[in-house]
């Protein structure tokens, strides 16, 4: 591989690089307004609901504590038929 006239390439590259000017932010006296986003009331309500959902704990501590106490006391009984029905229902979902 033979590379010649690399100086010319670098000159052209340097010229094109200096010719491209970065976009300057709007000056205070500019007549253009900056972009603006306005959310509808429905979007604001959805945003608030979504925030409330995200703030919920992933684990329901009271429910976990209730079952832990029932298991520890020996009061938590599940029939074999209920377990079999849940296994079958779960296997049907995967198909």
PDB file of N, CA and C in Angstrom:
ATOM      1  N   UNK A   1       0.852  -1.167   0.000  1.00  0.00           N
ATOM      2  CA  UNK A   1       0.000   0.000   0.000  1.00  0.00           C
ATOM      3  C   UNK A   1       0.895   1.226   0.000  1.00  0.00           C
ATOM      4  N   UNK A   2       0.618   2.144  -0.888  1.00  0.00           N
ATOM      5  CA  UNK A   2       1.441   3.334  -1.034  1.00  0.00           C
ATOM      6  C   UNK A   2       0.564   4.561  -0.816  1.00  0.00           C
ATOM      7  N   UNK A   3       0.897   5.348   0.201  1.00  0.00           N
ATOM      8  CA  UNK A   3       0.117   6.553   0.499  1.00  0.00           C
ATOM      9  C   UNK A   3       0.970   7.758   0.139  1.00  0.00           C
ATOM     10  N   UNK A   4       0.438   8.595  -0.768  1.00  0.00           N
ATOM     11  CA  UNK A   4       1.142   9.806  -1.193  1.00  0.00           C
ATOM     12  C   UNK A   4       0.240  11.008  -0.983  1.00  0.00           C
ATOM     13  N   UNK A   5       0.857  12.142  -0.963  1.00  0.00           N
ATOM     14  CA  UNK A   5       0.139  13.419  -0.843  1.00  0.00           C
ATOM     15  C   UNK A   5      -0.785  13.464   0.383  1.00  0.00           C
ATOM     16  N   UNK A   6      -0.315  12.956   1.476  1.00  0.00           N
ATOM     17  CA  UNK A   6      -1.104  12.984   2.705  1.00  0.00           C
ATOM     18  C   UNK A   6      -1.320  14.421   3.176  1.00  0.00           C
ATOM     19  N   UNK A   7      -0.399  15.319   2.814  1.00  0.00           N
ATOM     20  CA  UNK A   7      -0.539  16.714   3.215  1.00  0.00           C
ATOM     21  C   UNK A   7      -1.793  17.328   2.593  1.00  0.00           C
ATOM     22  N   UNK A   8      -2.058  17.000   1.319  1.00  0.00           N
ATOM     23  CA  UNK A   8      -3.241  17.549   0.662  1.00  0.00           C
ATOM     24  C   UNK A   8      -4.523  17.057   1.333  1.00  0.00           C
ATOM     25  N   UNK A   9      -4.527  15.795   1.701  1.00  0.00           N
ATOM     26  CA  UNK A   9      -5.701  15.242   2.364  1.00  0.00           C
ATOM     27  C   UNK A   9      -5.908  15.925   3.707  1.00  0.00           C
ATOM     28  N   UNK A  10      -4.849  16.100   4.453  1.00  0.00           N
ATOM     29  CA  UNK A  10      -4.990  16.731   5.765  1.00  0.00           C
ATOM     30  C   UNK A  10      -5.393  18.195   5.634  1.00  0.00           C
ATOM     31  N   UNK A  11      -4.957  18.888   4.557  1.00  0.00           N
ATOM     32  CA  UNK A  11      -5.378  20.278   4.336  1.00  0.00           C
ATOM     33  C   UNK A  11      -6.882  20.338   4.083  1.00  0.00           C
ATOM     34  N   UNK A  12      -7.366  19.454   3.216  1.00  0.00           N
ATOM     35  CA  UNK A  12      -8.797  19.439   2.903  1.00  0.00           C
ATOM     36  C   UNK A  12      -9.597  19.093   4.156  1.00  0.00           C
ATOM     37  N   UNK A  13      -9.119  18.125   4.897  1.00  0.00           N
ATOM     38  CA  UNK A  13      -9.805  17.737   6.127  1.00  0.00           C
ATOM     39  C   UNK A  13      -9.829  18.904   7.105  1.00  0.00           C
ATOM     40  N   UNK A  14      -8.727  19.596   7.238  1.00  0.00           N
ATOM     41  CA  UNK A  14      -8.643  20.743   8.136  1.00  0.00           C
ATOM     42  C   UNK A  14      -9.567  21.862   7.708  1.00  0.00           C
ATOM     43  N   UNK A  15      -9.689  22.100   6.394  1.00  0.00           N
ATOM     44  CA  UNK A  15     -10.572  23.155   5.896  1.00  0.00           C
ATOM     45  C   UNK A  15     -12.037  22.806   6.162  1.00  0.00           C
ATOM     46  N   UNK A  16     -12.404  21.561   5.897  1.00  0.00           N
ATOM     47  CA  UNK A  16     -13.806  21.187   6.107  1.00  0.00           C
ATOM     48  C   UNK A  16     -14.152  21.178   7.594  1.00  0.00           C
ATOM     49  N   UNK A  17     -13.177  20.859   8.418  1.00  0.00           N
ATOM     50  CA  UNK A  17     -13.414  20.832   9.856  1.00  0.00           C
ATOM     51  C   UNK A  17     -13.604  22.247  10.391  1.00  0.00           C
ATOM     52  N   UNK A  18     -12.795  23.191   9.887  1.00  0.00           N
ATOM     53  CA  UNK A  18     -12.912  24.564  10.365  1.00  0.00           C
ATOM     54  C   UNK A  18     -14.126  25.261   9.763  1.00  0.00           C
ATOM     55  N   UNK A  19     -14.601  24.806   8.605  1.00  0.00           N
ATOM     56  CA  UNK A  19     -15.759  25.422   7.968  1.00  0.00           C
ATOM     57  C   UNK A  19     -17.047  25.082   8.711  1.00  0.00           C
ATOM     58  N   UNK A  20     -17.091  23.923   9.321  1.00  0.00           N
ATOM     59  CA  UNK A  20     -18.293  23.524  10.056  1.00  0.00           C
ATOM     60  C   UNK A  20     -18.284  24.205  11.411  1.00  0.00           C
ATOM     61  N   UNK A  21     -19.262  25.087  11.620  1.00  0.00           N
ATOM     62  CA  UNK A  21     -19.337  25.815  12.886  1.00  0.00           C
ATOM     63  C   UNK A  21     -20.384  25.152  13.770  1.00  0.00           C
ATOM     64  N   UNK A  22     -20.075  24.994  15.027  1.00  0.00           N
ATOM     65  CA  UNK A  22     -21.066  24.410  15.923  1.00  0.00           C
ATOM     66  C   UNK A  22     -22.244  25.367  16.108  1.00  0.00           C
ATOM     67  N   UNK A  23     -23.413  24.797  16.333  1.00  0.00           N
ATOM     68  CA  UNK A  23     -24.599  25.614  16.546  1.00  0.00           C
ATOM     69  C   UNK A  23     -24.452  26.355  17.862  1.00  0.00           C
ATOM     70  N   UNK A  24     -24.677  27.653  17.798  1.00  0.00           N
ATOM     71  CA  UNK A  24     -24.539  28.451  19.011  1.00  0.00           C
ATOM     72  C   UNK A  24     -25.895  28.560  19.694  1.00  0.00           C
ATOM     73  N   UNK A  25     -25.896  28.616  21.007  1.00  0.00           N
ATOM     74  CA  UNK A  25     -27.163  28.769  21.711  1.00  0.00           C
ATOM     75  C   UNK A  25     -27.765  30.134  21.401  1.00  0.00           C
ATOM     76  N   UNK A  26     -29.062  30.244  21.573  1.00  0.00           N
ATOM     77  CA  UNK A  26     -29.737  31.498  21.271  1.00  0.00           C
ATOM     78  C   UNK A  26     -29.269  32.587  22.220  1.00  0.00           C
ATOM     79  N   UNK A  27     -29.039  33.741  21.670  1.00  0.00           N
ATOM     80  CA  UNK A  27     -28.634  34.862  22.501  1.00  0.00           C
ATOM     81  C   UNK A  27     -29.880  35.490  23.111  1.00  0.00           C
ATOM     82  N   UNK A  28     -29.731  36.235  24.207  1.00  0.00           N
ATOM     83  CA  UNK A  28     -30.901  36.816  24.866  1.00  0.00           C
ATOM     84  C   UNK A  28     -31.707  37.743  23.952  1.00  0.00           C
ATOM     85  N   UNK A  29     -31.076  38.407  23.001  1.00  0.00           N
ATOM     86  CA  UNK A  29     -31.775  39.328  22.119  1.00  0.00           C
ATOM     87  C   UNK A  29     -32.332  38.659  20.879  1.00  0.00           C
ATOM     88  N   UNK A  30     -32.232  37.361  20.766  1.00  0.00           N
ATOM     89  CA  UNK A  30     -32.662  36.641  19.576  1.00  0.00           C
ATOM     90  C   UNK A  30     -34.182  36.651  19.460  1.00  0.00           C
ATOM     91  N   UNK A  31     -34.669  36.669  18.214  1.00  0.00           N
ATOM     92  CA  UNK A  31     -36.113  36.684  17.991  1.00  0.00           C
ATOM     93  C   UNK A  31     -36.693  35.272  17.986  1.00  0.00           C
ATOM     94  N   UNK A  32     -35.848  34.252  17.926  1.00  0.00           N
ATOM     95  CA  UNK A  32     -36.340  32.879  17.926  1.00  0.00           C
ATOM     96  C   UNK A  32     -36.606  32.420  19.356  1.00  0.00           C
ATOM     97  N   UNK A  33     -37.693  31.646  19.495  1.00  0.00           N
ATOM     98  CA  UNK A  33     -38.008  31.092  20.811  1.00  0.00           C
ATOM     99  C   UNK A  33     -37.425  29.687  20.910  1.00  0.00           C
ATOM    100  N   UNK A  34     -36.988  29.287  22.084  1.00  0.00           N
ATOM    101  CA  UNK A  34     -36.486  27.917  22.239  1.00  0.00           C
ATOM    102  C   UNK A  34     -37.648  26.928  22.131  1.00  0.00           C
ATOM    103  N   UNK A  35     -37.326  25.686  21.807  1.00  0.00           N
ATOM    104  CA  UNK A  35     -38.351  24.651  21.706  1.00  0.00           C
ATOM    105  C   UNK A  35     -39.026  24.453  23.057  1.00  0.00           C
ATOM    106  N   UNK A  36     -40.280  24.051  22.996  1.00  0.00           N
ATOM    107  CA  UNK A  36     -41.054  23.897  24.217  1.00  0.00           C
ATOM    108  C   UNK A  36     -41.971  22.688  24.077  1.00  0.00           C
ATOM    109  N   UNK A  37     -42.136  21.957  25.161  1.00  0.00           N
ATOM    110  CA  UNK A  37     -43.033  20.804  25.176  1.00  0.00           C
ATOM    111  C   UNK A  37     -44.161  21.105  26.151  1.00  0.00           C
ATOM    112  N   UNK A  38     -45.397  20.914  25.689  1.00  0.00           N
ATOM    113  CA  UNK A  38     -46.561  21.123  26.543  1.00  0.00           C
ATOM    114  C   UNK A  38     -47.332  19.811  26.601  1.00  0.00           C
ATOM    115  N   UNK A  39     -47.493  19.280  27.806  1.00  0.00           N
ATOM    116  CA  UNK A  39     -48.201  18.013  27.988  1.00  0.00           C
ATOM    117  C   UNK A  39     -49.680  18.273  28.237  1.00  0.00           C
ATOM    118  N   UNK A  40     -50.516  17.449  27.646  1.00  0.00           N
ATOM    119  CA  UNK A  40     -51.954  17.555  27.874  1.00  0.00           C
ATOM    120  C   UNK A  40     -52.264  17.139  29.309  1.00  0.00           C
ATOM    121  N   UNK A  41     -53.458  17.478  29.761  1.00  0.00           N
ATOM    122  CA  UNK A  41     -53.840  17.101  31.125  1.00  0.00           C
ATOM    123  C   UNK A  41     -53.899  15.582  31.266  1.00  0.00           C
ATOM    124  N   UNK A  42     -54.294  14.911  30.185  1.00  0.00           N
ATOM    125  CA  UNK A  42     -54.345  13.442  30.206  1.00  0.00           C
ATOM    126  C   UNK A  42     -52.933  12.864  30.341  1.00  0.00           C
ATOM    127  N   UNK A  43     -51.971  13.441  29.636  1.00  0.00           N
ATOM    128  CA  UNK A  43     -50.586  12.976  29.730  1.00  0.00           C
ATOM    129  C   UNK A  43     -50.014  13.256  31.113  1.00  0.00           C
ATOM    130  N   UNK A  44     -50.364  14.405  31.698  1.00  0.00           N
ATOM    131  CA  UNK A  44     -49.891  14.729  33.041  1.00  0.00           C
ATOM    132  C   UNK A  44     -50.477  13.758  34.066  1.00  0.00           C
ATOM    133  N   UNK A  45     -51.768  13.424  33.897  1.00  0.00           N
ATOM    134  CA  UNK A  45     -52.405  12.472  34.803  1.00  0.00           C
ATOM    135  C   UNK A  45     -51.759  11.093  34.673  1.00  0.00           C
ATOM    136  N   UNK A  46     -51.497  10.673  33.438  1.00  0.00           N
ATOM    137  CA  UNK A  46     -50.841   9.389  33.204  1.00  0.00           C
ATOM    138  C   UNK A  46     -49.455   9.374  33.842  1.00  0.00           C
ATOM    139  N   UNK A  47     -48.737  10.473  33.700  1.00  0.00           N
ATOM    140  CA  UNK A  47     -47.398  10.571  34.277  1.00  0.00           C
ATOM    141  C   UNK A  47     -47.453  10.435  35.800  1.00  0.00           C
ATOM    142  N   UNK A  48     -48.451  11.065  36.421  1.00  0.00           N
ATOM    143  CA  UNK A  48     -48.586  10.985  37.874  1.00  0.00           C
ATOM    144  C   UNK A  48     -48.931   9.563  38.312  1.00  0.00           C
ATOM    145  N   UNK A  49     -49.822   8.907  37.573  1.00  0.00           N
ATOM    146  CA  UNK A  49     -50.190   7.522  37.896  1.00  0.00           C
ATOM    147  C   UNK A  49     -48.978   6.610  37.758  1.00  0.00           C
ATOM    148  N   UNK A  50     -48.223   6.794  36.691  1.00  0.00           N
ATOM    149  CA  UNK A  50     -47.023   5.989  36.472  1.00  0.00           C
ATOM    150  C   UNK A  50     -46.015   6.197  37.596  1.00  0.00           C
ATOM    151  N   UNK A  51     -45.853   7.434  38.045  1.00  0.00           N
ATOM    152  CA  UNK A  51     -44.941   7.726  39.154  1.00  0.00           C
ATOM    153  C   UNK A  51     -45.420   7.022  40.426  1.00  0.00           C
ATOM    154  N   UNK A  52     -46.729   7.064  40.682  1.00  0.00           N
ATOM    155  CA  UNK A  52     -47.275   6.397  41.871  1.00  0.00           C
ATOM    156  C   UNK A  52     -47.046   4.891  41.819  1.00  0.00           C
ATOM    157  N   UNK A  53     -47.200   4.307  40.643  1.00  0.00           N
ATOM    158  CA  UNK A  53     -46.968   2.864  40.489  1.00  0.00           C
ATOM    159  C   UNK A  53     -45.505   2.535  40.738  1.00  0.00           C
ATOM    160  N   UNK A  54     -44.615   3.364  40.213  1.00  0.00           N
ATOM    161  CA  UNK A  54     -43.177   3.111  40.411  1.00  0.00           C
ATOM    162  C   UNK A  54     -42.774   3.262  41.868  1.00  0.00           C
ATOM    163  N   UNK A  55     -43.514   4.078  42.622  1.00  0.00           N
ATOM    164  CA  UNK A  55     -43.201   4.278  44.038  1.00  0.00           C
ATOM    165  C   UNK A  55     -43.696   3.132  44.920  1.00  0.00           C
ATOM    166  N   UNK A  56     -44.569   2.273  44.378  1.00  0.00           N
ATOM    167  CA  UNK A  56     -45.064   1.139  45.155  1.00  0.00           C
ATOM    168  C   UNK A  56     -43.936   0.137  45.400  1.00  0.00           C
ATOM    169  N   UNK A  57     -43.941  -0.502  46.552  1.00  0.00           N
ATOM    170  CA  UNK A  57     -42.912  -1.524  46.793  1.00  0.00           C
ATOM    171  C   UNK A  57     -43.162  -2.738  45.904  1.00  0.00           C
ATOM    172  N   UNK A  58     -42.092  -3.410  45.518  1.00  0.00           N
ATOM    173  CA  UNK A  58     -42.218  -4.586  44.658  1.00  0.00           C
ATOM    174  C   UNK A  58     -42.750  -5.788  45.431  1.00  0.00           C
ATOM    175  N   UNK A  59     -42.543  -5.800  46.725  1.00  0.00           N
ATOM    176  CA  UNK A  59     -42.985  -6.917  47.562  1.00  0.00           C
ATOM    177  C   UNK A  59     -43.993  -6.376  48.570  1.00  0.00           C
ATOM    178  N   UNK A  60     -45.110  -7.062  48.682  1.00  0.00           N
ATOM    179  CA  UNK A  60     -46.119  -6.662  49.669  1.00  0.00           C
ATOM    180  C   UNK A  60     -45.729  -7.273  51.010  1.00  0.00           C
ATOM    181  N   UNK A  61     -45.076  -6.473  51.821  1.00  0.00           N
ATOM    182  CA  UNK A  61     -44.515  -6.935  53.095  1.00  0.00           C
ATOM    183  C   UNK A  61     -45.574  -7.562  54.000  1.00  0.00           C
ATOM    184  N   UNK A  62     -46.753  -6.967  54.074  1.00  0.00           N
ATOM    185  CA  UNK A  62     -47.796  -7.490  54.960  1.00  0.00           C
ATOM    186  C   UNK A  62     -48.222  -8.890  54.529  1.00  0.00           C
ATOM    187  N   UNK A  63     -48.342  -9.091  53.216  1.00  0.00           N
ATOM    188  CA  UNK A  63     -48.748 -10.400  52.693  1.00  0.00           C
ATOM    189  C   UNK A  63     -47.667 -11.443  52.983  1.00  0.00           C
ATOM    190  N   UNK A  64     -46.418 -11.077  52.780  1.00  0.00           N
ATOM    191  CA  UNK A  64     -45.304 -11.997  53.033  1.00  0.00           C
ATOM    192  C   UNK A  64     -45.266 -12.370  54.512  1.00  0.00           C
ATOM    193  N   UNK A  65     -45.437 -11.369  55.363  1.00  0.00           N
ATOM    194  CA  UNK A  65     -45.405 -11.620  56.805  1.00  0.00           C
ATOM    195  C   UNK A  65     -46.561 -12.537  57.223  1.00  0.00           C
ATOM    196  N   UNK A  66     -47.749 -12.305  56.648  1.00  0.00           N
ATOM    197  CA  UNK A  66     -48.914 -13.134  56.970  1.00  0.00           C
ATOM    198  C   UNK A  66     -48.654 -14.599  56.624  1.00  0.00           C
ATOM    199  N   UNK A  67     -48.143 -14.853  55.425  1.00  0.00           N
ATOM    200  CA  UNK A  67     -47.890 -16.240  55.022  1.00  0.00           C
ATOM    201  C   UNK A  67     -46.740 -16.853  55.817  1.00  0.00           C
ATOM    202  N   UNK A  68     -45.729 -16.065  56.135  1.00  0.00           N
ATOM    203  CA  UNK A  68     -44.617 -16.582  56.939  1.00  0.00           C
ATOM    204  C   UNK A  68     -45.118 -17.011  58.316  1.00  0.00           C
ATOM    205  N   UNK A  69     -45.993 -16.204  58.903  1.00  0.00           N
ATOM    206  CA  UNK A  69     -46.560 -16.549  60.216  1.00  0.00           C
ATOM    207  C   UNK A  69     -47.433 -17.797  60.135  1.00  0.00           C
ATOM    208  N   UNK A  70     -48.245 -17.897  59.065  1.00  0.00           N
ATOM    209  CA  UNK A  70     -49.116 -19.072  58.909  1.00  0.00           C
ATOM    210  C   UNK A  70     -48.290 -20.340  58.704  1.00  0.00           C
ATOM    211  N   UNK A  71     -47.214 -20.243  57.928  1.00  0.00           N
ATOM    212  CA  UNK A  71     -46.346 -21.407  57.699  1.00  0.00           C
ATOM    213  C   UNK A  71     -45.662 -21.809  58.998  1.00  0.00           C
ATOM    214  N   UNK A  72     -45.145 -20.807  59.739  1.00  0.00           N
ATOM    215  CA  UNK A  72     -44.451 -21.092  60.997  1.00  0.00           C
ATOM    216  C   UNK A  72     -45.391 -21.723  62.021  1.00  0.00           C
ATOM    217  N   UNK A  73     -46.653 -21.299  62.022  1.00  0.00           N
ATOM    218  CA  UNK A  73     -47.623 -21.832  62.980  1.00  0.00           C
ATOM    219  C   UNK A  73     -48.216 -23.160  62.524  1.00  0.00           C
ATOM    220  N   UNK A  74     -47.941 -23.550  61.275  1.00  0.00           N
ATOM    221  CA  UNK A  74     -48.479 -24.802  60.753  1.00  0.00           C
ATOM    222  C   UNK A  74     -49.915 -24.676  60.274  1.00  0.00           C
ATOM    223  N   UNK A  75     -50.387 -23.458  60.069  1.00  0.00           N
ATOM    224  CA  UNK A  75     -51.768 -23.217  59.643  1.00  0.00           C
ATOM    225  C   UNK A  75     -51.917 -23.057  58.138  1.00  0.00           C
ATOM    226  N   UNK A  76     -50.852 -23.131  57.410  1.00  0.00           N
ATOM    227  CA  UNK A  76     -50.926 -22.916  55.960  1.00  0.00           C
ATOM    228  C   UNK A  76     -50.989 -24.263  55.267  1.00  0.00           C
ATOM    229  N   UNK A  77     -52.157 -24.588  54.755  1.00  0.00           N
ATOM    230  CA  UNK A  77     -52.358 -25.871  54.078  1.00  0.00           C
ATOM    231  C   UNK A  77     -52.867 -25.606  52.665  1.00  0.00           C
ATOM    232  N   UNK A  78     -52.280 -26.278  51.713  1.00  0.00           N
ATOM    233  CA  UNK A  78     -52.715 -26.190  50.322  1.00  0.00           C
ATOM    234  C   UNK A  78     -52.966 -27.609  49.853  1.00  0.00           C
ATOM    235  N   UNK A  79     -54.104 -27.803  49.208  1.00  0.00           N
ATOM    236  CA  UNK A  79     -54.435 -29.158  48.762  1.00  0.00           C
ATOM    237  C   UNK A  79     -53.595 -29.527  47.544  1.00  0.00           C
ATOM    238  N   UNK A  80     -53.343 -30.803  47.400  1.00  0.00           N
ATOM    239  CA  UNK A  80     -52.574 -31.305  46.256  1.00  0.00           C
ATOM    240  C   UNK A  80     -53.299 -30.995  44.954  1.00  0.00           C
ATOM    241  N   UNK A  81     -54.623 -31.001  44.987  1.00  0.00           N
ATOM    242  CA  UNK A  81     -55.411 -30.695  43.785  1.00  0.00           C
ATOM    243  C   UNK A  81     -55.194 -29.243  43.347  1.00  0.00           C
ATOM    244  N   UNK A  82     -55.154 -28.327  44.311  1.00  0.00           N
ATOM    245  CA  UNK A  82     -54.906 -26.919  43.980  1.00  0.00           C
ATOM    246  C   UNK A  82     -53.525 -26.742  43.348  1.00  0.00           C
ATOM    247  N   UNK A  83     -52.534 -27.426  43.900  1.00  0.00           N
ATOM    248  CA  UNK A  83     -51.178 -27.342  43.346  1.00  0.00           C
ATOM    249  C   UNK A  83     -51.151 -27.892  41.930  1.00  0.00           C
ATOM    250  N   UNK A  84     -51.792 -29.039  41.708  1.00  0.00           N
ATOM    251  CA  UNK A  84     -51.826 -29.646  40.374  1.00  0.00           C
ATOM    252  C   UNK A  84     -52.532 -28.731  39.378  1.00  0.00           C
ATOM    253  N   UNK A  85     -53.640 -28.115  39.792  1.00  0.00           N
ATOM    254  CA  UNK A  85     -54.365 -27.202  38.903  1.00  0.00           C
ATOM    255  C   UNK A  85     -53.512 -25.997  38.514  1.00  0.00           C
ATOM    256  N   UNK A  86     -52.759 -25.468  39.456  1.00  0.00           N
ATOM    257  CA  UNK A  86     -51.894 -24.325  39.163  1.00  0.00           C
ATOM    258  C   UNK A  86     -50.753 -24.712  38.226  1.00  0.00           C
ATOM    259  N   UNK A  87     -50.198 -25.901  38.404  1.00  0.00           N
ATOM    260  CA  UNK A  87     -49.128 -26.376  37.516  1.00  0.00           C
ATOM    261  C   UNK A  87     -49.656 -26.527  36.097  1.00  0.00           C
ATOM    262  N   UNK A  88     -50.847 -27.096  35.959  1.00  0.00           N
ATOM    263  CA  UNK A  88     -51.450 -27.278  34.631  1.00  0.00           C
ATOM    264  C   UNK A  88     -51.754 -25.923  33.994  1.00  0.00           C
ATOM    265  N   UNK A  89     -52.325 -25.011  34.765  1.00  0.00           N
ATOM    266  CA  UNK A  89     -52.647 -23.682  34.237  1.00  0.00           C
ATOM    267  C   UNK A  89     -51.382 -22.961  33.789  1.00  0.00           C
ATOM    268  N   UNK A  90     -50.313 -23.069  34.564  1.00  0.00           N
ATOM    269  CA  UNK A  90     -49.051 -22.420  34.216  1.00  0.00           C
ATOM    270  C   UNK A  90     -48.452 -23.022  32.951  1.00  0.00           C
ATOM    271  N   UNK A  91     -48.561 -24.342  32.809  1.00  0.00           N
ATOM    272  CA  UNK A  91     -47.987 -24.989  31.622  1.00  0.00           C
ATOM    273  C   UNK A  91     -48.764 -24.617  30.364  1.00  0.00           C
ATOM    274  N   UNK A  92     -50.053 -24.347  30.478  1.00  0.00           N
ATOM    275  CA  UNK A  92     -50.854 -23.932  29.321  1.00  0.00           C
ATOM    276  C   UNK A  92     -50.498 -22.520  28.870  1.00  0.00           C
ATOM    277  N   UNK A  93     -50.105 -21.671  29.785  1.00  0.00           N
ATOM    278  CA  UNK A  93     -49.723 -20.296  29.450  1.00  0.00           C
ATOM    279  C   UNK A  93     -48.463 -20.293  28.605  1.00  0.00           C
ATOM    280  N   UNK A  94     -47.532 -21.171  28.899  1.00  0.00           N
ATOM    281  CA  UNK A  94     -46.251 -21.223  28.197  1.00  0.00           C
ATOM    282  C   UNK A  94     -46.348 -21.687  26.763  1.00  0.00           C
ATOM    283  N   UNK A  95     -47.452 -22.240  26.360  1.00  0.00           N
ATOM    284  CA  UNK A  95     -47.579 -22.778  24.996  1.00  0.00           C
ATOM    285  C   UNK A  95     -47.914 -21.741  23.995  1.00  0.00           C
TER     286      UNK A  95
END
